[in-house]
Amino acid sequence: IMLFSQNKSVILTDIKWYCAKSEAEKLYFKADEFTSFTLNSNPDYQNQIINQVKRINTQKSDNISVSSSKEKNKKDLMFLSNKLFSISNEFYDLTETQKNEIISETAKIYNKPKICENKPYVNYDFEKDNTKILLISRPNGGTFDVKIYYYAADLFEYMLFN
């Protein structure tokens, strides 16, 4: 389920973690809106959650695939053995008001965040039910870039036992 604010930012809720790749792609994309690839076929692909997964178990990276939207403000779905484990949204060239609205709307749904400032980045960690979120804000000239990483709260436990 997606909530749209006036500035067209998207906050995801009720994510079905570990659902099949085909099901997730139907939920989050139209048929021609995305491309798919494996980490092996695109070794330069960077993502905070995937980087953590690879640190825990490099062998798991052979089973990771990504479905990525073709839009400027892109959405990526990450799959481990064809099961959804993480979603990322990237927003570019936001005003400070738009950035603050994304943070505020996320907090309304996912509770008050833990905030870690590591200039120029500000990290916001949210958690509710079975979802954790890492939201990273970075100034970019006179605008802001925001990356939101949603992931299953039990992801690292799941990786150890599956």
N, C-alpha and C. Protein backbone atom coordinates (compact mmCIF):
# COMPACT_ATOMS: atom_id res chain seq x y z
N ILE A 1 0.86 -1.17 0.00
CA ILE A 1 0.00 0.00 0.00
C ILE A 1 0.89 1.22 0.00
N MET A 2 0.56 2.23 -0.77
CA MET A 2 1.36 3.42 -0.85
C MET A 2 0.53 4.64 -0.47
N LEU A 3 1.11 5.53 0.27
CA LEU A 3 0.46 6.79 0.61
C LEU A 3 1.12 7.89 -0.19
N PHE A 4 0.34 8.71 -0.86
CA PHE A 4 0.89 9.79 -1.66
C PHE A 4 0.64 11.11 -0.97
N SER A 5 1.68 11.90 -0.81
CA SER A 5 1.52 13.23 -0.25
C SER A 5 1.46 14.22 -1.40
N GLN A 6 1.24 15.49 -1.11
CA GLN A 6 1.11 16.48 -2.15
C GLN A 6 2.35 16.57 -3.03
N ASN A 7 3.52 16.32 -2.49
CA ASN A 7 4.72 16.43 -3.31
C ASN A 7 5.06 15.12 -4.02
N LYS A 8 4.13 14.20 -4.04
CA LYS A 8 4.25 12.93 -4.74
C LYS A 8 5.31 12.01 -4.14
N SER A 9 5.68 12.24 -2.90
CA SER A 9 6.57 11.28 -2.25
C SER A 9 5.77 10.05 -1.87
N VAL A 10 6.46 8.97 -1.66
CA VAL A 10 5.77 7.70 -1.42
C VAL A 10 6.29 7.09 -0.12
N ILE A 11 5.38 6.75 0.76
CA ILE A 11 5.70 6.02 1.98
C ILE A 11 5.02 4.66 1.86
N LEU A 12 5.79 3.59 1.96
CA LEU A 12 5.23 2.25 1.83
C LEU A 12 4.78 1.74 3.19
N THR A 13 3.66 1.02 3.19
CA THR A 13 3.15 0.41 4.41
C THR A 13 2.71 -1.02 4.10
N ASP A 14 2.52 -1.82 5.12
CA ASP A 14 2.00 -3.18 4.99
C ASP A 14 2.74 -4.00 3.93
N ILE A 15 4.04 -3.99 4.00
CA ILE A 15 4.87 -4.69 3.03
C ILE A 15 4.82 -6.19 3.31
N LYS A 16 4.64 -6.98 2.28
CA LYS A 16 4.59 -8.45 2.42
C LYS A 16 6.00 -9.01 2.23
N TRP A 17 6.76 -9.07 3.33
CA TRP A 17 8.12 -9.56 3.25
C TRP A 17 8.15 -11.03 2.88
N TYR A 18 9.14 -11.39 2.09
CA TYR A 18 9.42 -12.75 1.64
C TYR A 18 8.37 -13.30 0.68
N CYS A 19 7.54 -12.40 0.12
CA CYS A 19 6.61 -12.88 -0.92
C CYS A 19 7.42 -13.17 -2.18
N ALA A 20 6.82 -13.92 -3.10
CA ALA A 20 7.50 -14.31 -4.33
C ALA A 20 7.81 -13.09 -5.19
N LYS A 21 8.89 -13.18 -5.95
CA LYS A 21 9.34 -12.09 -6.81
C LYS A 21 8.23 -11.64 -7.76
N SER A 22 7.56 -12.58 -8.39
CA SER A 22 6.50 -12.23 -9.36
C SER A 22 5.36 -11.47 -8.68
N GLU A 23 5.01 -11.86 -7.46
CA GLU A 23 3.96 -11.18 -6.71
C GLU A 23 4.37 -9.75 -6.35
N ALA A 24 5.60 -9.58 -5.88
CA ALA A 24 6.09 -8.25 -5.50
C ALA A 24 6.15 -7.32 -6.71
N GLU A 25 6.63 -7.83 -7.82
CA GLU A 25 6.72 -7.01 -9.03
C GLU A 25 5.33 -6.54 -9.47
N LYS A 26 4.34 -7.39 -9.36
CA LYS A 26 2.96 -7.00 -9.71
C LYS A 26 2.41 -5.96 -8.74
N LEU A 27 2.79 -6.06 -7.46
CA LEU A 27 2.32 -5.11 -6.46
C LEU A 27 2.91 -3.72 -6.64
N TYR A 28 4.18 -3.64 -7.02
CA TYR A 28 4.90 -2.37 -7.00
C TYR A 28 5.22 -1.76 -8.37
N PHE A 29 5.03 -2.52 -9.46
CA PHE A 29 5.35 -2.01 -10.80
C PHE A 29 4.26 -2.35 -11.80
N LYS A 30 4.16 -1.54 -12.84
CA LYS A 30 3.41 -1.92 -14.03
C LYS A 30 4.36 -2.75 -14.88
N ALA A 31 3.82 -3.53 -15.81
CA ALA A 31 4.61 -4.51 -16.56
C ALA A 31 5.86 -3.94 -17.23
N ASP A 32 5.79 -2.76 -17.78
CA ASP A 32 6.92 -2.23 -18.55
C ASP A 32 7.70 -1.15 -17.79
N GLU A 33 7.50 -1.02 -16.49
CA GLU A 33 8.12 0.04 -15.70
C GLU A 33 9.45 -0.34 -15.07
N PHE A 34 9.93 -1.55 -15.24
CA PHE A 34 11.11 -1.97 -14.50
C PHE A 34 12.00 -2.91 -15.31
N THR A 35 13.22 -3.03 -14.84
CA THR A 35 14.16 -4.01 -15.38
C THR A 35 14.63 -4.88 -14.22
N SER A 36 15.08 -6.08 -14.52
CA SER A 36 15.58 -6.99 -13.49
C SER A 36 17.01 -7.41 -13.82
N PHE A 37 17.78 -7.63 -12.77
CA PHE A 37 19.15 -8.09 -12.95
C PHE A 37 19.59 -8.80 -11.68
N THR A 38 20.68 -9.54 -11.80
CA THR A 38 21.28 -10.18 -10.63
C THR A 38 22.51 -9.36 -10.22
N LEU A 39 22.94 -9.54 -8.99
CA LEU A 39 24.16 -8.84 -8.56
C LEU A 39 25.36 -9.29 -9.37
N ASN A 40 25.38 -10.56 -9.76
CA ASN A 40 26.50 -11.05 -10.56
C ASN A 40 26.57 -10.36 -11.93
N SER A 41 25.42 -10.03 -12.49
CA SER A 41 25.40 -9.39 -13.81
C SER A 41 25.61 -7.88 -13.72
N ASN A 42 25.49 -7.32 -12.50
CA ASN A 42 25.67 -5.88 -12.30
C ASN A 42 26.45 -5.67 -11.00
N PRO A 43 27.74 -6.03 -11.00
CA PRO A 43 28.53 -5.98 -9.75
C PRO A 43 28.74 -4.57 -9.19
N ASP A 44 28.51 -3.53 -9.98
CA ASP A 44 28.70 -2.17 -9.50
C ASP A 44 27.46 -1.62 -8.78
N TYR A 45 26.37 -2.38 -8.76
CA TYR A 45 25.14 -1.93 -8.10
C TYR A 45 25.42 -1.71 -6.62
N GLN A 46 25.00 -0.55 -6.11
CA GLN A 46 25.22 -0.20 -4.71
C GLN A 46 23.89 0.00 -3.98
N ASN A 47 23.80 -0.56 -2.80
CA ASN A 47 22.61 -0.45 -1.96
C ASN A 47 23.03 -0.76 -0.53
N GLN A 48 22.65 0.10 0.42
CA GLN A 48 23.07 -0.06 1.81
C GLN A 48 22.68 -1.41 2.40
N ILE A 49 21.47 -1.86 2.15
CA ILE A 49 21.01 -3.12 2.74
C ILE A 49 21.72 -4.31 2.11
N ILE A 50 21.85 -4.28 0.79
CA ILE A 50 22.57 -5.36 0.11
C ILE A 50 24.03 -5.41 0.58
N ASN A 51 24.64 -4.26 0.79
CA ASN A 51 26.01 -4.25 1.29
C ASN A 51 26.11 -4.95 2.64
N GLN A 52 25.12 -4.74 3.51
CA GLN A 52 25.11 -5.42 4.82
C GLN A 52 24.92 -6.93 4.64
N VAL A 53 24.04 -7.32 3.75
CA VAL A 53 23.79 -8.74 3.48
C VAL A 53 25.07 -9.40 2.98
N LYS A 54 25.77 -8.74 2.08
CA LYS A 54 27.02 -9.30 1.54
C LYS A 54 28.10 -9.41 2.61
N ARG A 55 28.12 -8.48 3.57
CA ARG A 55 29.10 -8.56 4.65
C ARG A 55 28.84 -9.76 5.55
N ILE A 56 27.57 -10.08 5.75
CA ILE A 56 27.23 -11.20 6.62
C ILE A 56 27.55 -12.53 5.94
N ASN A 57 27.21 -12.64 4.67
CA ASN A 57 27.43 -13.90 3.97
C ASN A 57 27.61 -13.62 2.49
N THR A 58 28.85 -13.62 2.03
CA THR A 58 29.13 -13.31 0.63
C THR A 58 28.52 -14.33 -0.32
N GLN A 59 28.32 -15.55 0.12
CA GLN A 59 27.73 -16.57 -0.74
C GLN A 59 26.27 -16.25 -1.06
N LYS A 60 25.59 -15.54 -0.16
CA LYS A 60 24.19 -15.18 -0.40
C LYS A 60 24.05 -14.23 -1.59
N SER A 61 25.08 -13.46 -1.89
CA SER A 61 24.97 -12.49 -2.97
C SER A 61 24.74 -13.17 -4.32
N ASP A 62 25.12 -14.44 -4.45
CA ASP A 62 24.84 -15.17 -5.69
C ASP A 62 23.34 -15.36 -5.90
N ASN A 63 22.56 -15.28 -4.84
CA ASN A 63 21.12 -15.50 -4.92
C ASN A 63 20.31 -14.20 -4.85
N ILE A 64 20.98 -13.05 -4.98
CA ILE A 64 20.27 -11.78 -4.90
C ILE A 64 19.99 -11.25 -6.29
N SER A 65 18.73 -10.85 -6.48
CA SER A 65 18.34 -10.18 -7.72
C SER A 65 17.62 -8.89 -7.36
N VAL A 66 17.56 -7.99 -8.34
CA VAL A 66 16.97 -6.68 -8.13
C VAL A 66 16.03 -6.38 -9.28
N SER A 67 14.87 -5.84 -8.96
CA SER A 67 13.96 -5.28 -9.96
C SER A 67 13.94 -3.78 -9.71
N SER A 68 14.26 -3.01 -10.74
CA SER A 68 14.47 -1.58 -10.59
C SER A 68 13.58 -0.79 -11.54
N SER A 69 12.93 0.25 -10.99
CA SER A 69 12.08 1.09 -11.84
C SER A 69 12.95 1.91 -12.78
N LYS A 70 12.35 2.38 -13.84
CA LYS A 70 13.06 3.15 -14.85
C LYS A 70 12.92 4.65 -14.64
N GLU A 71 12.28 5.06 -13.54
CA GLU A 71 12.01 6.48 -13.30
C GLU A 71 13.21 7.17 -12.67
N LYS A 72 13.22 8.52 -12.70
CA LYS A 72 14.29 9.30 -12.06
C LYS A 72 14.30 9.03 -10.56
N ASN A 73 13.15 9.21 -9.90
CA ASN A 73 13.00 8.86 -8.49
C ASN A 73 12.70 7.37 -8.46
N LYS A 74 13.74 6.57 -8.31
CA LYS A 74 13.55 5.15 -8.57
C LYS A 74 13.23 4.33 -7.33
N LYS A 75 12.64 3.19 -7.61
CA LYS A 75 12.30 2.21 -6.59
C LYS A 75 12.97 0.91 -7.00
N ASP A 76 13.64 0.27 -6.05
CA ASP A 76 14.26 -1.03 -6.29
C ASP A 76 13.67 -2.05 -5.32
N LEU A 77 13.38 -3.22 -5.82
CA LEU A 77 12.96 -4.34 -5.00
C LEU A 77 14.11 -5.34 -4.98
N MET A 78 14.51 -5.79 -3.79
CA MET A 78 15.61 -6.73 -3.66
C MET A 78 15.08 -8.09 -3.22
N PHE A 79 15.60 -9.13 -3.87
CA PHE A 79 15.13 -10.48 -3.62
C PHE A 79 16.30 -11.39 -3.26
N LEU A 80 16.09 -12.23 -2.28
CA LEU A 80 17.02 -13.28 -1.92
C LEU A 80 16.33 -14.59 -2.24
N SER A 81 16.91 -15.37 -3.14
CA SER A 81 16.28 -16.61 -3.61
C SER A 81 14.83 -16.35 -4.05
N ASN A 82 14.64 -15.26 -4.79
CA ASN A 82 13.34 -14.86 -5.35
C ASN A 82 12.28 -14.52 -4.31
N LYS A 83 12.72 -14.11 -3.12
CA LYS A 83 11.79 -13.67 -2.07
C LYS A 83 12.15 -12.25 -1.67
N LEU A 84 11.15 -11.38 -1.58
CA LEU A 84 11.35 -9.97 -1.27
C LEU A 84 11.92 -9.78 0.12
N PHE A 85 13.06 -9.08 0.23
CA PHE A 85 13.62 -8.80 1.55
C PHE A 85 13.89 -7.31 1.78
N SER A 86 13.88 -6.49 0.71
CA SER A 86 14.13 -5.07 0.90
C SER A 86 13.57 -4.28 -0.28
N ILE A 87 13.20 -3.04 0.01
CA ILE A 87 12.73 -2.10 -1.01
C ILE A 87 13.44 -0.78 -0.75
N SER A 88 13.88 -0.15 -1.81
CA SER A 88 14.46 1.18 -1.64
C SER A 88 13.77 2.17 -2.56
N ASN A 89 13.63 3.39 -2.08
CA ASN A 89 13.12 4.51 -2.86
C ASN A 89 14.17 5.60 -2.84
N GLU A 90 14.40 6.22 -3.98
CA GLU A 90 15.34 7.33 -4.06
C GLU A 90 14.63 8.54 -4.61
N PHE A 91 14.79 9.67 -3.93
CA PHE A 91 14.18 10.93 -4.35
C PHE A 91 15.28 11.97 -4.50
N TYR A 92 15.26 12.68 -5.60
CA TYR A 92 16.31 13.66 -5.89
C TYR A 92 15.73 15.06 -6.07
N ASP A 93 16.58 16.06 -5.81
CA ASP A 93 16.22 17.46 -6.06
C ASP A 93 14.98 17.89 -5.29
N LEU A 94 14.88 17.49 -4.02
CA LEU A 94 13.75 17.88 -3.18
C LEU A 94 14.03 19.22 -2.51
N THR A 95 12.98 19.96 -2.27
CA THR A 95 13.11 21.16 -1.44
C THR A 95 13.24 20.70 0.00
N GLU A 96 13.65 21.61 0.88
CA GLU A 96 13.74 21.25 2.30
C GLU A 96 12.36 20.89 2.85
N THR A 97 11.32 21.58 2.38
CA THR A 97 9.95 21.27 2.81
C THR A 97 9.56 19.87 2.38
N GLN A 98 9.86 19.48 1.15
CA GLN A 98 9.54 18.13 0.68
C GLN A 98 10.29 17.07 1.47
N LYS A 99 11.57 17.32 1.72
CA LYS A 99 12.38 16.39 2.52
C LYS A 99 11.77 16.22 3.91
N ASN A 100 11.44 17.34 4.55
CA ASN A 100 10.86 17.29 5.89
C ASN A 100 9.51 16.60 5.90
N GLU A 101 8.74 16.77 4.83
CA GLU A 101 7.45 16.10 4.74
C GLU A 101 7.61 14.59 4.65
N ILE A 102 8.58 14.13 3.89
CA ILE A 102 8.84 12.69 3.80
C ILE A 102 9.20 12.14 5.18
N ILE A 103 10.08 12.83 5.89
CA ILE A 103 10.49 12.38 7.22
C ILE A 103 9.30 12.39 8.18
N SER A 104 8.52 13.44 8.14
CA SER A 104 7.35 13.57 9.01
C SER A 104 6.31 12.49 8.72
N GLU A 105 6.01 12.26 7.45
CA GLU A 105 5.02 11.24 7.08
C GLU A 105 5.51 9.84 7.46
N THR A 106 6.80 9.60 7.31
CA THR A 106 7.36 8.31 7.71
C THR A 106 7.23 8.12 9.22
N ALA A 107 7.50 9.18 9.99
CA ALA A 107 7.40 9.10 11.44
C ALA A 107 5.96 8.88 11.90
N LYS A 108 4.99 9.44 11.19
CA LYS A 108 3.59 9.23 11.56
C LYS A 108 3.21 7.76 11.46
N ILE A 109 3.81 7.06 10.52
CA ILE A 109 3.47 5.65 10.29
C ILE A 109 4.38 4.72 11.08
N TYR A 110 5.69 5.03 11.09
CA TYR A 110 6.68 4.12 11.65
C TYR A 110 7.28 4.57 12.98
N ASN A 111 6.66 5.54 13.63
CA ASN A 111 7.08 6.01 14.95
C ASN A 111 8.30 6.92 14.88
N LYS A 112 8.61 7.51 16.02
CA LYS A 112 9.71 8.46 16.12
C LYS A 112 11.04 7.77 15.79
N PRO A 113 11.86 8.39 14.94
CA PRO A 113 13.11 7.74 14.55
C PRO A 113 14.25 7.99 15.53
N LYS A 114 15.24 7.13 15.45
CA LYS A 114 16.55 7.41 16.05
C LYS A 114 17.31 8.18 14.99
N ILE A 115 17.95 9.26 15.38
CA ILE A 115 18.61 10.13 14.40
C ILE A 115 20.11 10.12 14.65
N CYS A 116 20.87 9.95 13.59
CA CYS A 116 22.33 9.97 13.65
C CYS A 116 22.83 10.94 12.58
N GLU A 117 23.46 12.00 13.04
CA GLU A 117 23.98 12.99 12.10
C GLU A 117 25.45 12.71 11.83
N ASN A 118 25.77 12.51 10.58
CA ASN A 118 27.13 12.24 10.15
C ASN A 118 27.36 13.10 8.91
N LYS A 119 27.61 14.38 9.14
CA LYS A 119 27.64 15.39 8.08
C LYS A 119 28.38 14.91 6.85
N PRO A 120 27.85 15.10 5.68
CA PRO A 120 26.65 15.87 5.37
C PRO A 120 25.37 15.05 5.47
N TYR A 121 25.47 13.77 5.81
CA TYR A 121 24.32 12.88 5.86
C TYR A 121 23.61 12.97 7.22
N VAL A 122 22.30 12.75 7.18
CA VAL A 122 21.53 12.54 8.40
C VAL A 122 20.77 11.23 8.21
N ASN A 123 20.99 10.27 9.13
CA ASN A 123 20.32 8.98 9.06
C ASN A 123 19.18 8.95 10.07
N TYR A 124 18.05 8.43 9.62
CA TYR A 124 16.87 8.26 10.47
C TYR A 124 16.53 6.78 10.47
N ASP A 125 16.49 6.16 11.65
CA ASP A 125 16.13 4.74 11.76
C ASP A 125 14.73 4.64 12.36
N PHE A 126 13.85 4.00 11.61
CA PHE A 126 12.47 3.78 12.04
C PHE A 126 12.23 2.29 12.18
N GLU A 127 11.25 1.94 13.02
CA GLU A 127 10.88 0.53 13.14
C GLU A 127 9.44 0.44 13.61
N LYS A 128 8.72 -0.48 12.99
CA LYS A 128 7.36 -0.78 13.41
C LYS A 128 7.00 -2.17 12.91
N ASP A 129 6.45 -2.96 13.81
CA ASP A 129 6.01 -4.31 13.47
C ASP A 129 7.14 -5.08 12.79
N ASN A 130 6.93 -5.52 11.55
CA ASN A 130 7.91 -6.37 10.88
C ASN A 130 8.79 -5.61 9.88
N THR A 131 8.82 -4.28 9.98
CA THR A 131 9.57 -3.47 9.03
C THR A 131 10.53 -2.52 9.75
N LYS A 132 11.75 -2.45 9.24
CA LYS A 132 12.71 -1.45 9.67
C LYS A 132 12.99 -0.55 8.47
N ILE A 133 13.32 0.71 8.77
CA ILE A 133 13.59 1.68 7.71
C ILE A 133 14.86 2.45 8.05
N LEU A 134 15.71 2.58 7.06
CA LEU A 134 16.85 3.49 7.13
C LEU A 134 16.56 4.58 6.10
N LEU A 135 16.39 5.80 6.57
CA LEU A 135 16.15 6.94 5.70
C LEU A 135 17.38 7.84 5.78
N ILE A 136 17.98 8.12 4.64
CA ILE A 136 19.20 8.92 4.58
C ILE A 136 18.92 10.20 3.81
N SER A 137 19.20 11.33 4.43
CA SER A 137 19.01 12.63 3.81
C SER A 137 20.39 13.25 3.57
N ARG A 138 20.55 13.84 2.38
CA ARG A 138 21.83 14.46 2.04
C ARG A 138 21.58 15.74 1.25
N PRO A 139 22.18 16.85 1.68
CA PRO A 139 22.05 18.07 0.88
C PRO A 139 22.79 17.90 -0.44
N ASN A 140 22.23 18.51 -1.49
CA ASN A 140 22.82 18.41 -2.82
C ASN A 140 22.69 19.77 -3.49
N GLY A 141 23.66 20.64 -3.24
CA GLY A 141 23.54 22.01 -3.73
C GLY A 141 22.45 22.70 -2.93
N GLY A 142 21.46 23.25 -3.60
CA GLY A 142 20.35 23.90 -2.92
C GLY A 142 19.17 22.99 -2.67
N THR A 143 19.31 21.70 -2.99
CA THR A 143 18.22 20.75 -2.81
C THR A 143 18.68 19.61 -1.91
N PHE A 144 17.83 18.59 -1.77
CA PHE A 144 18.15 17.43 -0.95
C PHE A 144 17.87 16.15 -1.71
N ASP A 145 18.67 15.13 -1.44
CA ASP A 145 18.41 13.78 -1.92
C ASP A 145 18.02 12.95 -0.70
N VAL A 146 17.02 12.10 -0.88
CA VAL A 146 16.56 11.22 0.21
C VAL A 146 16.51 9.80 -0.32
N LYS A 147 17.13 8.89 0.41
CA LYS A 147 17.04 7.47 0.09
C LYS A 147 16.37 6.78 1.26
N ILE A 148 15.38 5.96 0.95
CA ILE A 148 14.65 5.23 1.97
C ILE A 148 14.85 3.74 1.71
N TYR A 149 15.38 3.04 2.71
CA TYR A 149 15.59 1.61 2.62
C TYR A 149 14.64 0.92 3.60
N TYR A 150 13.68 0.20 3.07
CA TYR A 150 12.77 -0.61 3.88
C TYR A 150 13.33 -2.03 3.88
N TYR A 151 13.29 -2.69 5.02
CA TYR A 151 13.71 -4.08 5.02
C TYR A 151 13.00 -4.84 6.13
N ALA A 152 12.94 -6.15 5.95
CA ALA A 152 12.27 -7.01 6.92
C ALA A 152 13.01 -6.93 8.25
N ALA A 153 12.27 -6.75 9.33
CA ALA A 153 12.88 -6.61 10.66
C ALA A 153 13.69 -7.84 11.04
N ASP A 154 13.31 -8.99 10.54
CA ASP A 154 14.03 -10.23 10.87
C ASP A 154 14.99 -10.67 9.76
N LEU A 155 15.37 -9.74 8.89
CA LEU A 155 16.19 -10.08 7.73
C LEU A 155 17.47 -10.83 8.10
N PHE A 156 18.22 -10.32 9.06
CA PHE A 156 19.51 -10.93 9.34
C PHE A 156 19.35 -12.30 10.01
N GLU A 157 18.32 -12.47 10.80
CA GLU A 157 17.99 -13.80 11.36
C GLU A 157 17.57 -14.74 10.22
N TYR A 158 16.75 -14.25 9.31
CA TYR A 158 16.29 -15.02 8.16
C TYR A 158 17.49 -15.52 7.35
N MET A 159 18.48 -14.66 7.16
CA MET A 159 19.65 -15.02 6.38
C MET A 159 20.46 -16.14 7.04
N LEU A 160 20.50 -16.11 8.35
CA LEU A 160 21.28 -17.12 9.06
C LEU A 160 20.66 -18.51 8.99
N PHE A 161 19.33 -18.57 8.89
CA PHE A 161 18.65 -19.85 8.97
C PHE A 161 18.02 -20.31 7.68
N ASN A 162 18.19 -19.57 6.59
CA ASN A 162 17.61 -19.97 5.29
C ASN A 162 18.66 -19.98 4.22
